[in-house]
């Protein structure tokens, strides 16, 4: 099994590599510490079987990295591994297309169980997930219409970049950016860039007191 471990903490990535050693059969996982390096990893390794994804990485806005992966590699299962175990965060992860969610505070055995279940074609989520939301389901469906490049442009819009700046950042022609912006606003039913930026901010996960938890030790 070939994994991508996307987390900006080197110690946590090392802990995951050690914990999942029996499942990877000596094949070193591909590591990513930001959204950009995650994008490069999934393109450079088309044979990847599974992504273990933290929600908080440089360049990502909450679930934006999951939205990107679902557009770039819809067949590739993703398990969210996060210290934010808010019930609504877990439920939203499932609605935005994750195949599983494992709190960072979970014991290693639970993480192994989740990986095995997802790789067998199933899903794995904690029982305390909140009820599904029609608004999140609608948002997930809208975001699913975007191409990976349009997701990148949308993130730039959320950062307040102008078309010329987006073109420079993504290596595109300015006219191409304009076409993408028009398509994004139409697909998201937004009337302005500001409205689209507000929508992106809604991708940020909920945080409740006590959600932040230390990494579990074996």
N, C-alpha and C. Protein backbone atom coordinates (compact mmCIF):
# COMPACT_ATOMS: atom_id res chain seq x y z
N UNK A 1 0.85 -1.19 0.00
CA UNK A 1 0.00 0.00 0.00
C UNK A 1 0.88 1.24 0.00
N UNK A 2 0.58 2.17 -0.90
CA UNK A 2 1.35 3.41 -0.98
C UNK A 2 0.53 4.56 -0.42
N UNK A 3 1.09 5.28 0.56
CA UNK A 3 0.38 6.34 1.24
C UNK A 3 0.98 7.71 0.95
N UNK A 4 0.12 8.73 1.05
CA UNK A 4 0.58 10.11 1.17
C UNK A 4 0.15 10.58 2.55
N UNK A 5 1.10 11.07 3.34
CA UNK A 5 0.80 11.62 4.65
C UNK A 5 0.98 13.13 4.56
N UNK A 6 -0.13 13.87 4.67
CA UNK A 6 -0.11 15.32 4.52
C UNK A 6 -0.37 15.97 5.87
N UNK A 7 0.69 16.49 6.47
CA UNK A 7 0.61 17.13 7.78
C UNK A 7 1.83 18.03 7.90
N UNK A 8 1.66 19.22 8.50
CA UNK A 8 2.79 20.15 8.55
C UNK A 8 3.70 19.93 9.76
N UNK A 9 3.43 18.89 10.55
CA UNK A 9 4.29 18.59 11.70
C UNK A 9 5.15 17.36 11.40
N UNK A 10 6.47 17.54 11.24
CA UNK A 10 7.35 16.40 10.91
C UNK A 10 7.28 15.26 11.92
N UNK A 11 7.16 15.60 13.22
CA UNK A 11 7.12 14.55 14.24
C UNK A 11 5.86 13.69 14.10
N UNK A 12 4.74 14.33 13.76
CA UNK A 12 3.52 13.55 13.59
C UNK A 12 3.62 12.67 12.35
N UNK A 13 4.17 13.20 11.27
CA UNK A 13 4.35 12.38 10.07
C UNK A 13 5.21 11.16 10.39
N UNK A 14 6.28 11.37 11.15
CA UNK A 14 7.16 10.26 11.52
C UNK A 14 6.42 9.23 12.37
N UNK A 15 5.56 9.72 13.27
CA UNK A 15 4.78 8.81 14.11
C UNK A 15 3.84 7.96 13.27
N UNK A 16 3.23 8.58 12.26
CA UNK A 16 2.31 7.84 11.38
C UNK A 16 3.07 6.81 10.55
N UNK A 17 4.23 7.20 10.04
CA UNK A 17 5.06 6.26 9.27
C UNK A 17 5.38 5.03 10.12
N UNK A 18 5.74 5.26 11.37
CA UNK A 18 6.07 4.15 12.27
C UNK A 18 4.83 3.31 12.57
N UNK A 19 3.72 3.96 12.85
CA UNK A 19 2.50 3.25 13.24
C UNK A 19 1.96 2.36 12.12
N UNK A 20 2.10 2.83 10.89
CA UNK A 20 1.51 2.10 9.75
C UNK A 20 2.52 1.24 9.01
N UNK A 21 3.69 1.05 9.62
CA UNK A 21 4.75 0.29 8.95
C UNK A 21 4.34 -1.09 8.50
N UNK A 22 3.50 -1.77 9.30
CA UNK A 22 3.08 -3.12 8.95
C UNK A 22 2.17 -3.17 7.73
N UNK A 23 1.54 -2.03 7.40
CA UNK A 23 0.63 -2.00 6.25
C UNK A 23 1.31 -1.56 4.96
N UNK A 24 2.43 -0.87 5.10
CA UNK A 24 3.10 -0.33 3.90
C UNK A 24 4.18 -1.26 3.36
N UNK A 25 4.45 -2.35 4.05
CA UNK A 25 5.40 -3.37 3.59
C UNK A 25 6.74 -2.78 3.20
N UNK A 26 7.22 -1.86 4.02
CA UNK A 26 8.54 -1.29 3.78
C UNK A 26 8.58 -0.20 2.72
N UNK A 27 7.45 0.12 2.10
CA UNK A 27 7.43 1.18 1.09
C UNK A 27 7.23 2.53 1.79
N UNK A 28 8.23 3.41 1.75
CA UNK A 28 8.13 4.68 2.49
C UNK A 28 6.95 5.52 1.98
N UNK A 29 6.12 6.02 2.88
CA UNK A 29 5.04 6.90 2.46
C UNK A 29 5.59 8.20 1.87
N UNK A 30 4.80 8.81 1.01
CA UNK A 30 5.14 10.13 0.46
C UNK A 30 4.65 11.16 1.47
N UNK A 31 5.50 12.12 1.84
CA UNK A 31 5.14 13.10 2.84
C UNK A 31 4.92 14.47 2.21
N UNK A 32 3.92 15.20 2.72
CA UNK A 32 3.61 16.55 2.25
C UNK A 32 3.35 17.43 3.46
N UNK A 33 3.87 18.65 3.43
CA UNK A 33 3.74 19.55 4.58
C UNK A 33 2.91 20.79 4.29
N UNK A 34 2.39 20.90 3.06
CA UNK A 34 1.57 22.05 2.67
C UNK A 34 0.64 21.62 1.55
N UNK A 35 -0.32 22.48 1.24
CA UNK A 35 -1.23 22.15 0.15
C UNK A 35 -0.48 22.05 -1.17
N UNK A 36 0.48 22.93 -1.38
CA UNK A 36 1.24 22.90 -2.64
C UNK A 36 2.03 21.59 -2.76
N UNK A 37 2.70 21.17 -1.69
CA UNK A 37 3.46 19.92 -1.77
C UNK A 37 2.54 18.71 -1.89
N UNK A 38 1.32 18.82 -1.34
CA UNK A 38 0.33 17.76 -1.52
C UNK A 38 -0.09 17.66 -2.98
N UNK A 39 -0.33 18.80 -3.61
CA UNK A 39 -0.68 18.80 -5.03
C UNK A 39 0.42 18.13 -5.85
N UNK A 40 1.67 18.47 -5.55
CA UNK A 40 2.81 17.89 -6.28
C UNK A 40 2.91 16.39 -6.04
N UNK A 41 2.62 15.98 -4.81
CA UNK A 41 2.74 14.56 -4.46
C UNK A 41 1.74 13.70 -5.22
N UNK A 42 0.47 14.13 -5.27
CA UNK A 42 -0.54 13.29 -5.92
C UNK A 42 -0.34 13.26 -7.44
N UNK A 43 0.29 14.31 -8.00
CA UNK A 43 0.57 14.28 -9.43
C UNK A 43 1.79 13.42 -9.74
N UNK A 44 2.78 13.47 -8.86
CA UNK A 44 4.02 12.73 -9.10
C UNK A 44 3.87 11.25 -8.81
N UNK A 45 2.84 10.87 -8.05
CA UNK A 45 2.66 9.47 -7.65
C UNK A 45 1.24 9.01 -7.97
N UNK A 46 0.97 8.71 -9.23
CA UNK A 46 -0.38 8.28 -9.63
C UNK A 46 -0.77 6.93 -9.03
N UNK A 47 0.20 6.21 -8.46
CA UNK A 47 -0.09 4.89 -7.90
C UNK A 47 -0.42 4.94 -6.41
N UNK A 48 -0.62 6.13 -5.87
CA UNK A 48 -0.95 6.26 -4.45
C UNK A 48 -2.30 5.61 -4.18
N UNK A 49 -2.40 4.88 -3.04
CA UNK A 49 -3.62 4.17 -2.68
C UNK A 49 -4.48 4.93 -1.69
N UNK A 50 -3.88 5.80 -0.88
CA UNK A 50 -4.61 6.43 0.21
C UNK A 50 -3.89 7.70 0.65
N UNK A 51 -4.67 8.74 1.02
CA UNK A 51 -4.12 9.96 1.58
C UNK A 51 -4.60 10.12 3.01
N UNK A 52 -3.67 10.34 3.92
CA UNK A 52 -3.99 10.71 5.31
C UNK A 52 -3.77 12.21 5.41
N UNK A 53 -4.84 12.94 5.69
CA UNK A 53 -4.83 14.39 5.50
C UNK A 53 -5.17 15.15 6.78
N UNK A 54 -4.29 16.07 7.17
CA UNK A 54 -4.60 17.00 8.24
C UNK A 54 -5.28 18.22 7.62
N UNK A 55 -6.22 18.82 8.32
CA UNK A 55 -6.96 19.96 7.79
C UNK A 55 -6.17 21.27 7.88
N UNK A 56 -5.20 21.32 8.79
CA UNK A 56 -4.48 22.57 9.04
C UNK A 56 -3.07 22.49 8.47
N UNK A 57 -2.91 22.98 7.23
CA UNK A 57 -1.61 23.03 6.59
C UNK A 57 -1.46 24.37 5.90
N UNK A 58 -0.21 24.83 5.72
CA UNK A 58 0.00 26.07 4.95
C UNK A 58 -0.62 25.98 3.57
N UNK A 59 -1.36 27.01 3.19
CA UNK A 59 -2.00 27.06 1.87
C UNK A 59 -3.40 26.50 1.84
N UNK A 60 -3.81 25.81 2.89
CA UNK A 60 -5.15 25.21 2.94
C UNK A 60 -6.07 26.04 3.82
N UNK A 61 -7.33 26.03 3.47
CA UNK A 61 -8.37 26.68 4.28
C UNK A 61 -9.38 25.62 4.68
N UNK A 62 -9.18 25.07 5.86
CA UNK A 62 -10.10 24.05 6.33
C UNK A 62 -10.19 22.88 5.37
N UNK A 63 -11.38 22.66 4.83
CA UNK A 63 -11.62 21.51 3.96
C UNK A 63 -11.19 21.74 2.50
N UNK A 64 -10.54 22.85 2.22
CA UNK A 64 -10.17 23.13 0.82
C UNK A 64 -9.23 22.07 0.26
N UNK A 65 -8.32 21.53 1.08
CA UNK A 65 -7.41 20.50 0.59
C UNK A 65 -8.17 19.22 0.24
N UNK A 66 -9.21 18.90 1.02
CA UNK A 66 -10.05 17.74 0.70
C UNK A 66 -10.82 17.98 -0.58
N UNK A 67 -11.36 19.19 -0.74
CA UNK A 67 -12.09 19.55 -1.97
C UNK A 67 -11.17 19.41 -3.18
N UNK A 68 -9.93 19.87 -3.04
CA UNK A 68 -8.96 19.74 -4.13
C UNK A 68 -8.74 18.28 -4.50
N UNK A 69 -8.51 17.44 -3.49
CA UNK A 69 -8.24 16.02 -3.76
C UNK A 69 -9.42 15.34 -4.42
N UNK A 70 -10.63 15.67 -4.00
CA UNK A 70 -11.80 15.05 -4.61
C UNK A 70 -11.93 15.44 -6.08
N UNK A 71 -11.48 16.65 -6.42
CA UNK A 71 -11.52 17.06 -7.82
C UNK A 71 -10.38 16.50 -8.64
N UNK A 72 -9.19 16.47 -8.06
CA UNK A 72 -8.00 16.00 -8.77
C UNK A 72 -7.98 14.48 -8.92
N UNK A 73 -8.32 13.77 -7.84
CA UNK A 73 -8.29 12.30 -7.86
C UNK A 73 -9.54 11.76 -7.16
N UNK A 74 -10.68 11.82 -7.82
CA UNK A 74 -11.93 11.42 -7.16
C UNK A 74 -11.95 9.96 -6.73
N UNK A 75 -11.13 9.13 -7.34
CA UNK A 75 -11.10 7.70 -6.99
C UNK A 75 -10.22 7.42 -5.77
N UNK A 76 -9.44 8.40 -5.33
CA UNK A 76 -8.46 8.21 -4.28
C UNK A 76 -9.09 8.44 -2.90
N UNK A 77 -9.14 7.41 -2.05
CA UNK A 77 -9.74 7.60 -0.72
C UNK A 77 -8.88 8.49 0.17
N UNK A 78 -9.55 9.27 1.00
CA UNK A 78 -8.88 10.21 1.91
C UNK A 78 -9.40 10.00 3.32
N UNK A 79 -8.49 9.86 4.26
CA UNK A 79 -8.85 9.81 5.68
C UNK A 79 -8.34 11.08 6.34
N UNK A 80 -9.24 11.83 6.96
CA UNK A 80 -8.85 13.02 7.70
C UNK A 80 -8.30 12.57 9.06
N UNK A 81 -7.12 13.08 9.41
CA UNK A 81 -6.55 12.84 10.73
C UNK A 81 -6.32 14.21 11.35
N UNK A 82 -7.13 14.54 12.34
CA UNK A 82 -7.13 15.91 12.85
C UNK A 82 -7.28 15.95 14.36
N UNK A 83 -6.69 17.00 14.96
CA UNK A 83 -6.88 17.23 16.39
C UNK A 83 -8.22 17.90 16.67
N UNK A 84 -8.89 18.38 15.60
CA UNK A 84 -10.21 19.00 15.75
C UNK A 84 -11.27 17.93 15.56
N UNK A 85 -11.72 17.36 16.68
CA UNK A 85 -12.69 16.26 16.62
C UNK A 85 -14.11 16.74 16.95
N UNK A 86 -14.40 17.99 16.62
CA UNK A 86 -15.74 18.52 16.81
C UNK A 86 -16.72 17.66 16.00
N UNK A 87 -17.86 17.26 16.58
CA UNK A 87 -18.80 16.40 15.83
C UNK A 87 -19.19 16.95 14.47
N UNK A 88 -19.40 18.26 14.37
CA UNK A 88 -19.77 18.84 13.07
C UNK A 88 -18.60 18.76 12.08
N UNK A 89 -17.37 18.88 12.57
CA UNK A 89 -16.20 18.75 11.69
C UNK A 89 -16.13 17.35 11.12
N UNK A 90 -16.39 16.35 11.96
CA UNK A 90 -16.37 14.96 11.49
C UNK A 90 -17.46 14.74 10.44
N UNK A 91 -18.66 15.25 10.72
CA UNK A 91 -19.75 15.08 9.77
C UNK A 91 -19.47 15.80 8.46
N UNK A 92 -18.91 17.02 8.53
CA UNK A 92 -18.61 17.76 7.31
C UNK A 92 -17.52 17.07 6.49
N UNK A 93 -16.57 16.46 7.16
CA UNK A 93 -15.53 15.71 6.44
C UNK A 93 -16.16 14.62 5.59
N UNK A 94 -17.14 13.94 6.14
CA UNK A 94 -17.83 12.89 5.37
C UNK A 94 -18.63 13.50 4.23
N UNK A 95 -19.31 14.61 4.48
CA UNK A 95 -20.13 15.22 3.43
C UNK A 95 -19.28 15.81 2.30
N UNK A 96 -18.05 16.25 2.63
CA UNK A 96 -17.18 16.80 1.60
C UNK A 96 -16.35 15.73 0.90
N UNK A 97 -16.59 14.46 1.23
CA UNK A 97 -16.01 13.39 0.43
C UNK A 97 -14.93 12.55 1.07
N UNK A 98 -14.62 12.74 2.36
CA UNK A 98 -13.63 11.90 3.01
C UNK A 98 -14.19 10.49 3.21
N UNK A 99 -13.30 9.51 3.21
CA UNK A 99 -13.72 8.12 3.44
C UNK A 99 -13.60 7.75 4.92
N UNK A 100 -12.94 8.62 5.70
CA UNK A 100 -12.79 8.33 7.11
C UNK A 100 -12.31 9.55 7.87
N UNK A 101 -12.41 9.46 9.19
CA UNK A 101 -11.94 10.54 10.08
C UNK A 101 -11.41 9.89 11.35
N UNK A 102 -10.14 10.18 11.66
CA UNK A 102 -9.52 9.64 12.87
C UNK A 102 -8.97 10.81 13.69
N UNK A 103 -9.45 11.00 14.92
CA UNK A 103 -8.88 12.05 15.77
C UNK A 103 -7.41 11.74 16.07
N UNK A 104 -6.59 12.79 16.17
CA UNK A 104 -5.18 12.57 16.48
C UNK A 104 -4.99 11.98 17.87
N UNK A 105 -5.99 12.11 18.71
CA UNK A 105 -5.91 11.54 20.05
C UNK A 105 -6.25 10.05 20.09
N UNK A 106 -6.65 9.49 18.95
CA UNK A 106 -7.05 8.08 18.90
C UNK A 106 -5.84 7.17 19.07
N UNK A 107 -6.02 6.00 19.66
CA UNK A 107 -4.92 5.04 19.77
C UNK A 107 -4.52 4.51 18.40
N UNK A 108 -3.30 4.03 18.32
CA UNK A 108 -2.78 3.54 17.04
C UNK A 108 -3.64 2.41 16.48
N UNK A 109 -4.13 1.54 17.34
CA UNK A 109 -4.96 0.42 16.87
C UNK A 109 -6.18 0.91 16.14
N UNK A 110 -6.77 2.02 16.60
CA UNK A 110 -7.95 2.58 15.94
C UNK A 110 -7.59 3.13 14.57
N UNK A 111 -6.43 3.76 14.48
CA UNK A 111 -5.98 4.28 13.20
C UNK A 111 -5.74 3.15 12.20
N UNK A 112 -5.14 2.07 12.66
CA UNK A 112 -4.91 0.92 11.79
C UNK A 112 -6.23 0.33 11.32
N UNK A 113 -7.18 0.25 12.22
CA UNK A 113 -8.50 -0.28 11.86
C UNK A 113 -9.17 0.58 10.80
N UNK A 114 -9.06 1.91 10.95
CA UNK A 114 -9.66 2.82 9.98
C UNK A 114 -9.03 2.65 8.61
N UNK A 115 -7.70 2.56 8.57
CA UNK A 115 -7.00 2.40 7.29
C UNK A 115 -7.40 1.09 6.62
N UNK A 116 -7.42 0.02 7.39
CA UNK A 116 -7.80 -1.29 6.82
C UNK A 116 -9.22 -1.26 6.26
N UNK A 117 -10.13 -0.65 7.02
CA UNK A 117 -11.53 -0.63 6.59
C UNK A 117 -11.72 0.19 5.33
N UNK A 118 -11.04 1.35 5.26
CA UNK A 118 -11.16 2.20 4.07
C UNK A 118 -10.52 1.53 2.86
N UNK A 119 -9.36 0.88 3.06
CA UNK A 119 -8.70 0.22 1.94
C UNK A 119 -9.48 -1.01 1.46
N UNK A 120 -10.39 -1.50 2.31
CA UNK A 120 -11.25 -2.63 1.90
C UNK A 120 -12.50 -2.12 1.19
N UNK A 121 -12.58 -0.79 0.99
CA UNK A 121 -13.72 -0.23 0.28
C UNK A 121 -14.80 0.33 1.17
N UNK A 122 -14.57 0.34 2.49
CA UNK A 122 -15.56 0.86 3.42
C UNK A 122 -15.28 2.29 3.84
N UNK A 123 -15.94 2.71 4.90
CA UNK A 123 -15.71 4.03 5.48
C UNK A 123 -15.51 3.85 6.98
N UNK A 124 -14.90 4.86 7.63
CA UNK A 124 -14.66 4.76 9.07
C UNK A 124 -14.80 6.15 9.69
N UNK A 125 -15.82 6.34 10.51
CA UNK A 125 -16.05 7.60 11.20
C UNK A 125 -16.42 7.33 12.65
N UNK A 126 -15.99 8.18 13.58
CA UNK A 126 -16.40 8.01 14.98
C UNK A 126 -17.91 8.10 15.11
N UNK A 127 -18.44 7.46 16.11
CA UNK A 127 -19.90 7.41 16.29
C UNK A 127 -20.50 8.76 16.69
N UNK A 128 -19.66 9.68 17.24
CA UNK A 128 -20.23 10.92 17.76
C UNK A 128 -20.41 11.99 16.69
N UNK A 129 -20.33 11.64 15.42
CA UNK A 129 -20.53 12.63 14.36
C UNK A 129 -21.93 13.23 14.43
N UNK A 130 -22.03 14.52 14.10
CA UNK A 130 -23.32 15.20 14.14
C UNK A 130 -24.19 14.76 12.97
N UNK A 131 -25.45 15.19 13.00
CA UNK A 131 -26.36 14.86 11.91
C UNK A 131 -25.94 15.60 10.65
N UNK A 132 -26.32 15.05 9.50
CA UNK A 132 -25.96 15.68 8.23
C UNK A 132 -26.71 16.99 8.06
N UNK A 133 -26.14 17.86 7.22
CA UNK A 133 -26.70 19.19 7.00
C UNK A 133 -27.02 19.38 5.52
N UNK A 134 -28.21 19.85 5.24
CA UNK A 134 -28.59 20.11 3.85
C UNK A 134 -27.74 21.20 3.24
N UNK A 135 -27.40 22.23 4.02
CA UNK A 135 -26.59 23.33 3.49
C UNK A 135 -25.19 22.85 3.14
N UNK A 136 -24.60 21.99 3.98
CA UNK A 136 -23.28 21.46 3.67
C UNK A 136 -23.33 20.52 2.47
N UNK A 137 -24.40 19.75 2.36
CA UNK A 137 -24.55 18.86 1.21
C UNK A 137 -24.65 19.66 -0.08
N UNK A 138 -25.38 20.79 0.00
CA UNK A 138 -25.52 21.66 -1.17
C UNK A 138 -24.17 22.29 -1.54
N UNK A 139 -23.43 22.74 -0.51
CA UNK A 139 -22.12 23.34 -0.75
C UNK A 139 -21.16 22.31 -1.34
N UNK A 140 -21.19 21.10 -0.80
CA UNK A 140 -20.32 20.04 -1.32
C UNK A 140 -20.62 19.76 -2.79
N UNK A 141 -21.89 19.75 -3.15
CA UNK A 141 -22.28 19.49 -4.54
C UNK A 141 -21.80 20.62 -5.45
N UNK A 142 -21.88 21.86 -4.97
CA UNK A 142 -21.41 23.00 -5.76
C UNK A 142 -19.90 22.93 -5.96
N UNK A 143 -19.17 22.66 -4.88
CA UNK A 143 -17.71 22.60 -4.97
C UNK A 143 -17.25 21.45 -5.85
N UNK A 144 -18.03 20.37 -5.89
CA UNK A 144 -17.67 19.22 -6.71
C UNK A 144 -17.70 19.55 -8.20
N UNK A 145 -18.39 20.63 -8.57
CA UNK A 145 -18.44 21.04 -9.98
C UNK A 145 -17.16 21.73 -10.44
N UNK A 146 -16.35 22.20 -9.48
CA UNK A 146 -15.14 22.94 -9.83
C UNK A 146 -14.03 21.99 -10.26
N UNK A 147 -13.25 22.42 -11.25
CA UNK A 147 -12.06 21.68 -11.62
C UNK A 147 -10.97 21.98 -10.59
N UNK A 148 -9.92 21.13 -10.52
CA UNK A 148 -8.83 21.42 -9.58
C UNK A 148 -8.23 22.82 -9.79
N UNK A 149 -8.09 23.25 -11.05
CA UNK A 149 -7.54 24.59 -11.29
C UNK A 149 -8.49 25.67 -10.78
N UNK A 150 -9.78 25.44 -10.92
CA UNK A 150 -10.75 26.41 -10.42
C UNK A 150 -10.74 26.47 -8.89
N UNK A 151 -10.45 25.34 -8.24
CA UNK A 151 -10.31 25.34 -6.78
C UNK A 151 -9.12 26.22 -6.39
N UNK A 152 -8.03 26.11 -7.13
CA UNK A 152 -6.85 26.94 -6.84
C UNK A 152 -7.19 28.42 -7.01
N UNK A 153 -7.88 28.74 -8.08
CA UNK A 153 -8.26 30.13 -8.33
C UNK A 153 -9.19 30.62 -7.21
N UNK A 154 -10.11 29.77 -6.79
CA UNK A 154 -11.03 30.14 -5.71
C UNK A 154 -10.27 30.45 -4.43
N UNK A 155 -9.25 29.65 -4.11
CA UNK A 155 -8.47 29.91 -2.90
C UNK A 155 -7.73 31.25 -3.00
N UNK A 156 -7.29 31.58 -4.20
CA UNK A 156 -6.63 32.87 -4.42
C UNK A 156 -7.62 34.03 -4.25
N UNK A 157 -8.83 33.83 -4.75
CA UNK A 157 -9.88 34.84 -4.56
C UNK A 157 -10.12 35.06 -3.07
N UNK A 158 -10.17 33.97 -2.32
CA UNK A 158 -10.39 34.06 -0.88
C UNK A 158 -9.26 34.81 -0.18
N UNK A 159 -8.07 34.75 -0.76
CA UNK A 159 -6.92 35.47 -0.20
C UNK A 159 -6.90 36.94 -0.62
N UNK A 160 -7.90 37.34 -1.42
CA UNK A 160 -7.99 38.73 -1.83
C UNK A 160 -7.14 39.12 -3.02
N UNK A 161 -6.65 38.14 -3.77
CA UNK A 161 -5.79 38.44 -4.91
C UNK A 161 -6.60 38.91 -6.12
N UNK A 162 -6.04 39.85 -6.86
CA UNK A 162 -6.64 40.31 -8.11
C UNK A 162 -6.31 39.32 -9.22
N UNK A 163 -7.00 39.44 -10.36
CA UNK A 163 -6.77 38.51 -11.47
C UNK A 163 -5.31 38.49 -11.91
N UNK A 164 -4.69 39.66 -11.97
CA UNK A 164 -3.29 39.73 -12.40
C UNK A 164 -2.39 38.99 -11.41
N UNK A 165 -2.69 39.12 -10.12
CA UNK A 165 -1.90 38.44 -9.10
C UNK A 165 -2.14 36.93 -9.13
N UNK A 166 -3.39 36.53 -9.39
CA UNK A 166 -3.69 35.11 -9.49
C UNK A 166 -2.96 34.50 -10.70
N UNK A 167 -2.95 35.23 -11.80
CA UNK A 167 -2.26 34.76 -13.00
C UNK A 167 -0.78 34.51 -12.71
N UNK A 168 -0.17 35.44 -11.98
CA UNK A 168 1.26 35.30 -11.63
C UNK A 168 1.46 34.12 -10.69
N UNK A 169 0.58 34.00 -9.70
CA UNK A 169 0.72 32.96 -8.68
C UNK A 169 0.58 31.56 -9.27
N UNK A 170 -0.35 31.40 -10.23
CA UNK A 170 -0.63 30.08 -10.78
C UNK A 170 0.00 29.84 -12.15
N UNK A 171 0.70 30.84 -12.67
CA UNK A 171 1.34 30.68 -13.98
C UNK A 171 0.35 30.60 -15.12
N UNK A 172 -0.71 31.40 -15.04
CA UNK A 172 -1.75 31.40 -16.07
C UNK A 172 -1.80 32.75 -16.77
N UNK A 173 -2.43 32.78 -17.94
CA UNK A 173 -2.70 34.04 -18.61
C UNK A 173 -3.84 34.74 -17.86
N UNK A 174 -3.81 36.07 -17.84
CA UNK A 174 -4.84 36.80 -17.11
C UNK A 174 -6.23 36.53 -17.68
N UNK A 175 -6.34 36.41 -19.00
CA UNK A 175 -7.64 36.10 -19.60
C UNK A 175 -8.16 34.73 -19.16
N UNK A 176 -7.23 33.78 -18.99
CA UNK A 176 -7.62 32.46 -18.51
C UNK A 176 -8.18 32.55 -17.10
N UNK A 177 -7.56 33.38 -16.27
CA UNK A 177 -8.05 33.57 -14.91
C UNK A 177 -9.46 34.16 -14.93
N UNK A 178 -9.69 35.13 -15.81
CA UNK A 178 -11.01 35.75 -15.92
C UNK A 178 -12.07 34.71 -16.27
N UNK A 179 -11.73 33.80 -17.18
CA UNK A 179 -12.66 32.73 -17.57
C UNK A 179 -12.96 31.84 -16.37
N UNK A 180 -11.91 31.49 -15.62
CA UNK A 180 -12.10 30.64 -14.45
C UNK A 180 -12.97 31.34 -13.40
N UNK A 181 -12.73 32.62 -13.16
CA UNK A 181 -13.50 33.36 -12.16
C UNK A 181 -14.97 33.39 -12.53
N UNK A 182 -15.26 33.64 -13.80
CA UNK A 182 -16.65 33.65 -14.27
C UNK A 182 -17.31 32.29 -14.05
N UNK A 183 -16.58 31.22 -14.38
CA UNK A 183 -17.13 29.88 -14.21
C UNK A 183 -17.33 29.55 -12.73
N UNK A 184 -16.40 29.97 -11.90
CA UNK A 184 -16.50 29.70 -10.45
C UNK A 184 -17.74 30.37 -9.87
N UNK A 185 -17.93 31.65 -10.19
CA UNK A 185 -19.07 32.37 -9.65
C UNK A 185 -20.39 31.75 -10.11
N UNK A 186 -20.41 31.29 -11.35
CA UNK A 186 -21.63 30.66 -11.87
C UNK A 186 -21.90 29.34 -11.16
N UNK A 187 -20.87 28.51 -11.02
CA UNK A 187 -21.06 27.19 -10.41
C UNK A 187 -21.42 27.28 -8.93
N UNK A 188 -20.93 28.32 -8.27
CA UNK A 188 -21.19 28.47 -6.84
C UNK A 188 -22.41 29.36 -6.55
N UNK A 189 -23.06 29.82 -7.62
CA UNK A 189 -24.21 30.72 -7.48
C UNK A 189 -23.86 31.97 -6.67
N UNK A 190 -22.69 32.51 -6.95
CA UNK A 190 -22.22 33.73 -6.28
C UNK A 190 -22.30 34.90 -7.26
N UNK A 191 -22.60 36.07 -6.74
CA UNK A 191 -22.73 37.24 -7.59
C UNK A 191 -21.49 38.13 -7.55
N UNK A 192 -20.57 37.83 -6.65
CA UNK A 192 -19.36 38.65 -6.53
C UNK A 192 -18.21 37.82 -5.98
N UNK A 193 -17.01 38.35 -6.12
CA UNK A 193 -15.84 37.69 -5.57
C UNK A 193 -15.91 37.66 -4.04
N UNK A 194 -16.47 38.73 -3.47
CA UNK A 194 -16.60 38.78 -2.02
C UNK A 194 -17.48 37.66 -1.51
N UNK A 195 -18.57 37.41 -2.21
CA UNK A 195 -19.48 36.34 -1.81
C UNK A 195 -18.78 34.99 -1.90
N UNK A 196 -17.95 34.81 -2.94
CA UNK A 196 -17.20 33.56 -3.09
C UNK A 196 -16.19 33.40 -1.96
N UNK A 197 -15.56 34.51 -1.56
CA UNK A 197 -14.59 34.47 -0.47
C UNK A 197 -15.27 34.09 0.84
N UNK A 198 -16.47 34.60 1.06
CA UNK A 198 -17.23 34.26 2.27
C UNK A 198 -17.56 32.77 2.27
N UNK A 199 -17.90 32.25 1.11
CA UNK A 199 -18.21 30.82 0.99
C UNK A 199 -16.99 29.98 1.36
N UNK A 200 -15.80 30.41 0.91
CA UNK A 200 -14.58 29.67 1.24
C UNK A 200 -14.34 29.67 2.75
N UNK A 201 -14.62 30.80 3.38
CA UNK A 201 -14.43 30.87 4.83
C UNK A 201 -15.33 29.88 5.57
N UNK A 202 -16.45 29.52 4.95
CA UNK A 202 -17.35 28.55 5.57
C UNK A 202 -16.75 27.14 5.56
N UNK A 203 -15.66 26.95 4.83
CA UNK A 203 -14.98 25.65 4.81
C UNK A 203 -14.15 25.42 6.06
N UNK A 204 -13.91 26.48 6.83
CA UNK A 204 -13.13 26.33 8.06
C UNK A 204 -13.91 25.44 9.03
N UNK A 205 -13.24 24.49 9.66
CA UNK A 205 -13.93 23.59 10.59
C UNK A 205 -14.28 24.29 11.90
N UNK A 206 -15.29 23.76 12.57
CA UNK A 206 -15.67 24.28 13.88
C UNK A 206 -14.60 23.94 14.91
N UNK A 207 -14.43 24.82 15.87
CA UNK A 207 -13.48 24.57 16.95
C UNK A 207 -14.22 24.76 18.26
N UNK A 208 -14.11 23.80 19.11
CA UNK A 208 -14.74 23.89 20.44
C UNK A 208 -13.68 23.68 21.51
N UNK A 209 -13.86 24.23 22.68
CA UNK A 209 -12.90 24.04 23.76
C UNK A 209 -12.64 22.56 24.01
N UNK A 210 -11.35 22.23 24.10
CA UNK A 210 -10.99 20.85 24.35
C UNK A 210 -10.79 20.02 23.11
N UNK A 211 -11.04 20.59 21.92
CA UNK A 211 -10.85 19.83 20.69
C UNK A 211 -9.38 19.52 20.44
N UNK A 212 -8.50 20.50 20.73
CA UNK A 212 -7.09 20.31 20.49
C UNK A 212 -6.59 19.22 21.43
N UNK A 213 -6.01 18.19 20.87
CA UNK A 213 -5.56 17.08 21.70
C UNK A 213 -4.16 16.66 21.29
N UNK A 214 -3.36 16.13 22.19
CA UNK A 214 -2.02 15.69 21.84
C UNK A 214 -2.04 14.47 20.95
N UNK A 215 -0.95 14.26 20.24
CA UNK A 215 -0.83 13.08 19.37
C UNK A 215 -0.74 11.85 20.24
N UNK A 216 -1.50 10.83 19.88
CA UNK A 216 -1.48 9.60 20.67
C UNK A 216 -0.16 8.89 20.54
N UNK A 217 0.31 8.32 21.60
CA UNK A 217 1.55 7.54 21.59
C UNK A 217 1.21 6.06 21.54
N UNK A 218 2.10 5.29 20.96
CA UNK A 218 1.85 3.85 20.85
C UNK A 218 2.09 3.18 22.18
